[in-house]
Amino acid sequence: MIELDYHSKKPIYEQIMEQLKLLVIKGQLAPGDAIPSVRKMAQMLDVTPSTVAKAYQELERQKVIETIRAKGTFIADTPGLELNEEELGRIRKRIQSELIELKRIGYSEADVVKLVKEIYHSI
């Protein structure tokens, strides 16, 4: 379900979040589908429960998942439809950082657009 890169600079909780979102985008997880509890996911990934809890808390805040007491954690009915200005600002900064690097190594605007389209369509 989820594979972690322990050598990545990206924090483990962010990798968990990203991969769960990708599973939703690809239709492998649908609204209402149950996902493992924090404890179970931590065991499956061999990470601390606090790492998984942090990922789940952020996913819940973003309305990707929802936790129902005594029932479990599920993919939300309307996963992440709202994007507030703060989140958009963080995304813009990450994209800008990567664009600076691409521009530094000589990518043209057309190269960047082509790359983004390839990545977008591969998701």
N, C-alpha and C. Protein backbone atom coordinates (compact mmCIF):
# COMPACT_ATOMS: atom_id res chain seq x y z
N MET A 1 0.83 -1.20 0.00
CA MET A 1 0.00 0.00 0.00
C MET A 1 0.87 1.26 0.00
N ILE A 2 1.74 1.39 1.00
CA ILE A 2 2.60 2.56 1.12
C ILE A 2 4.04 2.10 1.24
N GLU A 3 4.91 2.71 0.45
CA GLU A 3 6.34 2.42 0.53
C GLU A 3 7.07 3.69 0.91
N LEU A 4 7.91 3.59 1.91
CA LEU A 4 8.64 4.75 2.40
C LEU A 4 10.09 4.71 1.92
N ASP A 5 10.63 5.90 1.68
CA ASP A 5 12.04 6.05 1.33
C ASP A 5 12.73 6.64 2.55
N TYR A 6 13.40 5.79 3.29
CA TYR A 6 14.04 6.22 4.54
C TYR A 6 15.28 7.08 4.28
N HIS A 7 15.73 7.16 3.04
CA HIS A 7 16.89 7.97 2.69
C HIS A 7 16.48 9.34 2.14
N SER A 8 15.19 9.54 1.95
CA SER A 8 14.68 10.79 1.41
C SER A 8 14.81 11.92 2.43
N LYS A 9 14.95 13.13 1.91
CA LYS A 9 14.96 14.31 2.78
C LYS A 9 13.55 14.65 3.24
N LYS A 10 12.55 14.11 2.53
CA LYS A 10 11.16 14.38 2.88
C LYS A 10 10.81 13.61 4.15
N PRO A 11 10.24 14.29 5.15
CA PRO A 11 9.86 13.60 6.39
C PRO A 11 8.91 12.43 6.13
N ILE A 12 9.02 11.41 6.96
CA ILE A 12 8.21 10.20 6.81
C ILE A 12 6.72 10.53 6.83
N TYR A 13 6.29 11.42 7.74
CA TYR A 13 4.86 11.72 7.82
C TYR A 13 4.36 12.35 6.51
N GLU A 14 5.21 13.15 5.86
CA GLU A 14 4.82 13.74 4.58
C GLU A 14 4.75 12.68 3.48
N GLN A 15 5.64 11.71 3.53
CA GLN A 15 5.59 10.61 2.57
C GLN A 15 4.30 9.82 2.73
N ILE A 16 3.90 9.58 3.97
CA ILE A 16 2.65 8.86 4.23
C ILE A 16 1.47 9.65 3.67
N MET A 17 1.45 10.94 3.95
CA MET A 17 0.37 11.79 3.45
C MET A 17 0.31 11.76 1.93
N GLU A 18 1.44 11.97 1.30
CA GLU A 18 1.51 12.03 -0.16
C GLU A 18 1.03 10.72 -0.79
N GLN A 19 1.46 9.62 -0.22
CA GLN A 19 1.09 8.34 -0.81
C GLN A 19 -0.39 8.01 -0.60
N LEU A 20 -0.94 8.38 0.54
CA LEU A 20 -2.38 8.17 0.74
C LEU A 20 -3.19 9.03 -0.23
N LYS A 21 -2.76 10.26 -0.43
CA LYS A 21 -3.45 11.13 -1.40
C LYS A 21 -3.36 10.55 -2.80
N LEU A 22 -2.19 10.02 -3.14
CA LEU A 22 -2.01 9.42 -4.46
C LEU A 22 -2.91 8.20 -4.65
N LEU A 23 -3.08 7.40 -3.61
CA LEU A 23 -3.99 6.25 -3.68
C LEU A 23 -5.43 6.70 -3.92
N VAL A 24 -5.80 7.84 -3.34
CA VAL A 24 -7.15 8.38 -3.56
C VAL A 24 -7.27 8.88 -5.00
N ILE A 25 -6.27 9.63 -5.46
CA ILE A 25 -6.30 10.17 -6.82
C ILE A 25 -6.41 9.06 -7.85
N LYS A 26 -5.67 7.97 -7.62
CA LYS A 26 -5.66 6.86 -8.57
C LYS A 26 -6.89 5.96 -8.44
N GLY A 27 -7.74 6.24 -7.46
CA GLY A 27 -8.96 5.46 -7.28
C GLY A 27 -8.74 4.15 -6.54
N GLN A 28 -7.55 3.96 -5.99
CA GLN A 28 -7.29 2.73 -5.23
C GLN A 28 -7.90 2.81 -3.84
N LEU A 29 -8.15 4.02 -3.38
CA LEU A 29 -8.91 4.26 -2.16
C LEU A 29 -10.05 5.19 -2.53
N ALA A 30 -11.25 4.81 -2.16
CA ALA A 30 -12.44 5.60 -2.50
C ALA A 30 -13.07 6.15 -1.23
N PRO A 31 -13.89 7.21 -1.37
CA PRO A 31 -14.59 7.73 -0.20
C PRO A 31 -15.32 6.62 0.55
N GLY A 32 -15.13 6.61 1.86
CA GLY A 32 -15.75 5.61 2.70
C GLY A 32 -14.87 4.41 2.98
N ASP A 33 -13.80 4.23 2.21
CA ASP A 33 -12.88 3.12 2.46
C ASP A 33 -12.16 3.32 3.79
N ALA A 34 -12.04 2.23 4.53
CA ALA A 34 -11.32 2.28 5.80
C ALA A 34 -9.82 2.22 5.54
N ILE A 35 -9.07 2.93 6.36
CA ILE A 35 -7.62 2.82 6.31
C ILE A 35 -7.16 2.30 7.68
N PRO A 36 -5.97 1.73 7.74
CA PRO A 36 -5.52 1.15 9.01
C PRO A 36 -5.46 2.19 10.13
N SER A 37 -5.66 1.71 11.35
CA SER A 37 -5.53 2.59 12.51
C SER A 37 -4.10 3.09 12.60
N VAL A 38 -3.90 4.12 13.40
CA VAL A 38 -2.55 4.68 13.58
C VAL A 38 -1.59 3.58 14.01
N ARG A 39 -1.99 2.81 15.00
CA ARG A 39 -1.11 1.75 15.52
C ARG A 39 -0.80 0.71 14.45
N LYS A 40 -1.83 0.26 13.74
CA LYS A 40 -1.64 -0.76 12.71
C LYS A 40 -0.76 -0.24 11.58
N MET A 41 -1.02 1.00 11.13
CA MET A 41 -0.21 1.58 10.04
C MET A 41 1.24 1.72 10.50
N ALA A 42 1.45 2.14 11.74
CA ALA A 42 2.81 2.28 12.27
C ALA A 42 3.52 0.93 12.25
N GLN A 43 2.82 -0.13 12.62
CA GLN A 43 3.41 -1.47 12.59
C GLN A 43 3.72 -1.89 11.16
N MET A 44 2.80 -1.62 10.25
CA MET A 44 2.99 -2.01 8.84
C MET A 44 4.21 -1.31 8.23
N LEU A 45 4.40 -0.04 8.59
CA LEU A 45 5.48 0.75 8.00
C LEU A 45 6.76 0.75 8.84
N ASP A 46 6.69 0.15 10.01
CA ASP A 46 7.82 0.10 10.94
C ASP A 46 8.29 1.51 11.31
N VAL A 47 7.32 2.33 11.69
CA VAL A 47 7.60 3.69 12.17
C VAL A 47 6.88 3.88 13.50
N THR A 48 7.15 4.99 14.16
CA THR A 48 6.50 5.24 15.43
C THR A 48 5.04 5.66 15.21
N PRO A 49 4.17 5.30 16.14
CA PRO A 49 2.77 5.74 16.03
C PRO A 49 2.64 7.26 15.95
N SER A 50 3.53 8.00 16.60
CA SER A 50 3.42 9.46 16.56
C SER A 50 3.65 10.00 15.14
N THR A 51 4.48 9.31 14.36
CA THR A 51 4.70 9.73 12.97
C THR A 51 3.43 9.56 12.16
N VAL A 52 2.78 8.41 12.30
CA VAL A 52 1.54 8.16 11.58
C VAL A 52 0.45 9.10 12.09
N ALA A 53 0.39 9.31 13.40
CA ALA A 53 -0.62 10.21 13.97
C ALA A 53 -0.48 11.62 13.39
N LYS A 54 0.75 12.08 13.23
CA LYS A 54 0.99 13.41 12.65
C LYS A 54 0.47 13.46 11.22
N ALA A 55 0.73 12.41 10.44
CA ALA A 55 0.24 12.37 9.06
C ALA A 55 -1.29 12.35 9.04
N TYR A 56 -1.89 11.51 9.87
CA TYR A 56 -3.34 11.41 9.91
C TYR A 56 -3.98 12.73 10.36
N GLN A 57 -3.39 13.39 11.34
CA GLN A 57 -3.93 14.67 11.81
C GLN A 57 -3.94 15.70 10.69
N GLU A 58 -2.86 15.75 9.94
CA GLU A 58 -2.78 16.71 8.84
C GLU A 58 -3.75 16.33 7.72
N LEU A 59 -3.87 15.05 7.42
CA LEU A 59 -4.82 14.61 6.40
C LEU A 59 -6.26 14.89 6.83
N GLU A 60 -6.52 14.77 8.11
CA GLU A 60 -7.86 15.08 8.62
C GLU A 60 -8.12 16.58 8.51
N ARG A 61 -7.11 17.37 8.85
CA ARG A 61 -7.25 18.82 8.73
C ARG A 61 -7.52 19.22 7.28
N GLN A 62 -6.90 18.52 6.34
CA GLN A 62 -7.08 18.80 4.92
C GLN A 62 -8.34 18.14 4.35
N LYS A 63 -9.08 17.43 5.21
CA LYS A 63 -10.34 16.77 4.84
C LYS A 63 -10.15 15.66 3.82
N VAL A 64 -9.00 15.00 3.88
CA VAL A 64 -8.75 13.85 3.03
C VAL A 64 -9.28 12.59 3.72
N ILE A 65 -9.13 12.56 5.05
CA ILE A 65 -9.63 11.43 5.83
C ILE A 65 -10.51 11.95 6.95
N GLU A 66 -11.27 11.05 7.54
CA GLU A 66 -12.08 11.41 8.71
C GLU A 66 -12.06 10.24 9.68
N THR A 67 -12.01 10.57 10.95
CA THR A 67 -12.01 9.55 11.99
C THR A 67 -13.36 9.57 12.67
N ILE A 68 -13.96 8.40 12.77
CA ILE A 68 -15.25 8.25 13.44
C ILE A 68 -15.00 7.41 14.68
N ARG A 69 -15.28 8.01 15.81
CA ARG A 69 -15.03 7.35 17.08
C ARG A 69 -15.65 5.97 17.13
N ALA A 70 -14.89 5.03 17.62
CA ALA A 70 -15.28 3.63 17.81
C ALA A 70 -15.53 2.89 16.49
N LYS A 71 -15.28 3.54 15.36
CA LYS A 71 -15.47 2.87 14.07
C LYS A 71 -14.17 2.80 13.28
N GLY A 72 -13.39 3.87 13.31
CA GLY A 72 -12.12 3.85 12.59
C GLY A 72 -11.88 5.10 11.77
N THR A 73 -10.91 5.00 10.89
CA THR A 73 -10.52 6.12 10.03
C THR A 73 -10.83 5.75 8.59
N PHE A 74 -11.42 6.71 7.87
CA PHE A 74 -11.92 6.45 6.53
C PHE A 74 -11.52 7.58 5.59
N ILE A 75 -11.51 7.27 4.30
CA ILE A 75 -11.33 8.30 3.29
C ILE A 75 -12.60 9.16 3.31
N ALA A 76 -12.41 10.47 3.34
CA ALA A 76 -13.54 11.40 3.44
C ALA A 76 -14.41 11.34 2.19
N ASP A 77 -15.69 11.67 2.37
CA ASP A 77 -16.62 11.66 1.24
C ASP A 77 -16.25 12.69 0.18
N THR A 78 -15.75 13.81 0.60
CA THR A 78 -15.30 14.84 -0.35
C THR A 78 -13.85 15.16 -0.02
N PRO A 79 -12.93 14.27 -0.41
CA PRO A 79 -11.54 14.43 0.01
C PRO A 79 -10.87 15.69 -0.52
N GLY A 80 -10.50 16.56 0.40
CA GLY A 80 -9.66 17.70 0.10
C GLY A 80 -10.15 18.66 -0.96
N LEU A 81 -11.43 18.92 -1.02
CA LEU A 81 -11.93 19.81 -2.06
C LEU A 81 -11.59 21.28 -1.79
N GLU A 82 -11.37 21.59 -0.54
CA GLU A 82 -11.08 22.98 -0.18
C GLU A 82 -9.58 23.17 -0.04
N LEU A 83 -9.07 24.24 -0.63
CA LEU A 83 -7.66 24.57 -0.51
C LEU A 83 -7.59 26.02 -0.05
N ASN A 84 -7.18 26.20 1.19
CA ASN A 84 -7.16 27.57 1.70
C ASN A 84 -5.90 28.30 1.23
N GLU A 85 -5.88 29.59 1.43
CA GLU A 85 -4.78 30.43 0.96
C GLU A 85 -3.44 30.04 1.59
N GLU A 86 -3.47 29.63 2.83
CA GLU A 86 -2.23 29.23 3.51
C GLU A 86 -1.62 28.00 2.84
N GLU A 87 -2.45 27.01 2.58
CA GLU A 87 -1.97 25.79 1.91
C GLU A 87 -1.48 26.10 0.50
N LEU A 88 -2.23 26.92 -0.21
CA LEU A 88 -1.83 27.30 -1.56
C LEU A 88 -0.49 28.03 -1.53
N GLY A 89 -0.30 28.87 -0.54
CA GLY A 89 0.97 29.59 -0.40
C GLY A 89 2.13 28.64 -0.18
N ARG A 90 1.93 27.62 0.66
CA ARG A 90 2.99 26.62 0.90
C ARG A 90 3.31 25.85 -0.38
N ILE A 91 2.28 25.49 -1.13
CA ILE A 91 2.49 24.77 -2.39
C ILE A 91 3.25 25.63 -3.38
N ARG A 92 2.87 26.90 -3.46
CA ARG A 92 3.56 27.82 -4.38
C ARG A 92 5.05 27.93 -4.03
N LYS A 93 5.36 27.98 -2.73
CA LYS A 93 6.76 28.09 -2.32
C LYS A 93 7.55 26.84 -2.71
N ARG A 94 6.93 25.67 -2.53
CA ARG A 94 7.61 24.42 -2.91
C ARG A 94 7.85 24.37 -4.41
N ILE A 95 6.84 24.75 -5.19
CA ILE A 95 6.98 24.76 -6.64
C ILE A 95 8.05 25.76 -7.06
N GLN A 96 8.03 26.94 -6.44
CA GLN A 96 9.02 27.97 -6.76
C GLN A 96 10.44 27.46 -6.50
N SER A 97 10.62 26.80 -5.39
CA SER A 97 11.94 26.26 -5.04
C SER A 97 12.41 25.28 -6.12
N GLU A 98 11.54 24.41 -6.56
CA GLU A 98 11.91 23.44 -7.59
C GLU A 98 12.14 24.12 -8.94
N LEU A 99 11.35 25.14 -9.24
CA LEU A 99 11.53 25.87 -10.50
C LEU A 99 12.87 26.60 -10.53
N ILE A 100 13.26 27.14 -9.40
CA ILE A 100 14.57 27.81 -9.32
C ILE A 100 15.66 26.81 -9.68
N GLU A 101 15.56 25.61 -9.15
CA GLU A 101 16.57 24.58 -9.43
C GLU A 101 16.56 24.19 -10.91
N LEU A 102 15.37 24.02 -11.48
CA LEU A 102 15.28 23.66 -12.90
C LEU A 102 15.85 24.78 -13.78
N LYS A 103 15.54 26.01 -13.43
CA LYS A 103 16.05 27.14 -14.20
C LYS A 103 17.57 27.23 -14.08
N ARG A 104 18.07 26.94 -12.88
CA ARG A 104 19.52 26.99 -12.63
C ARG A 104 20.26 26.01 -13.52
N ILE A 105 19.66 24.83 -13.75
CA ILE A 105 20.35 23.83 -14.57
C ILE A 105 20.01 23.96 -16.05
N GLY A 106 19.30 25.03 -16.42
CA GLY A 106 19.12 25.34 -17.82
C GLY A 106 17.80 24.93 -18.45
N TYR A 107 16.82 24.53 -17.66
CA TYR A 107 15.52 24.18 -18.23
C TYR A 107 14.83 25.45 -18.72
N SER A 108 14.27 25.36 -19.92
CA SER A 108 13.48 26.47 -20.45
C SER A 108 12.05 26.36 -19.92
N GLU A 109 11.27 27.39 -20.16
CA GLU A 109 9.86 27.33 -19.76
C GLU A 109 9.16 26.17 -20.44
N ALA A 110 9.45 25.97 -21.72
CA ALA A 110 8.84 24.86 -22.46
C ALA A 110 9.24 23.52 -21.87
N ASP A 111 10.52 23.39 -21.47
CA ASP A 111 10.98 22.15 -20.83
C ASP A 111 10.22 21.89 -19.53
N VAL A 112 10.04 22.95 -18.75
CA VAL A 112 9.35 22.82 -17.47
C VAL A 112 7.89 22.42 -17.69
N VAL A 113 7.23 23.07 -18.64
CA VAL A 113 5.84 22.75 -18.95
C VAL A 113 5.72 21.30 -19.39
N LYS A 114 6.63 20.85 -20.24
CA LYS A 114 6.63 19.46 -20.71
C LYS A 114 6.81 18.51 -19.53
N LEU A 115 7.75 18.82 -18.65
CA LEU A 115 8.02 17.98 -17.48
C LEU A 115 6.80 17.91 -16.57
N VAL A 116 6.18 19.05 -16.31
CA VAL A 116 5.00 19.08 -15.45
C VAL A 116 3.87 18.26 -16.07
N LYS A 117 3.66 18.39 -17.36
CA LYS A 117 2.62 17.61 -18.02
C LYS A 117 2.90 16.12 -17.92
N GLU A 118 4.17 15.72 -18.11
CA GLU A 118 4.52 14.30 -18.01
C GLU A 118 4.23 13.78 -16.61
N ILE A 119 4.62 14.55 -15.61
CA ILE A 119 4.39 14.14 -14.22
C ILE A 119 2.90 14.09 -13.92
N TYR A 120 2.18 15.13 -14.34
CA TYR A 120 0.74 15.21 -14.08
C TYR A 120 0.01 14.01 -14.67
N HIS A 121 0.38 13.64 -15.88
CA HIS A 121 -0.32 12.55 -16.56
C HIS A 121 0.13 11.17 -16.06
N SER A 122 1.25 11.13 -15.36
CA SER A 122 1.70 9.85 -14.81
C SER A 122 1.04 9.54 -13.47
N ILE A 123 0.38 10.52 -12.90
CA ILE A 123 -0.28 10.34 -11.59
C ILE A 123 -1.64 9.69 -11.79
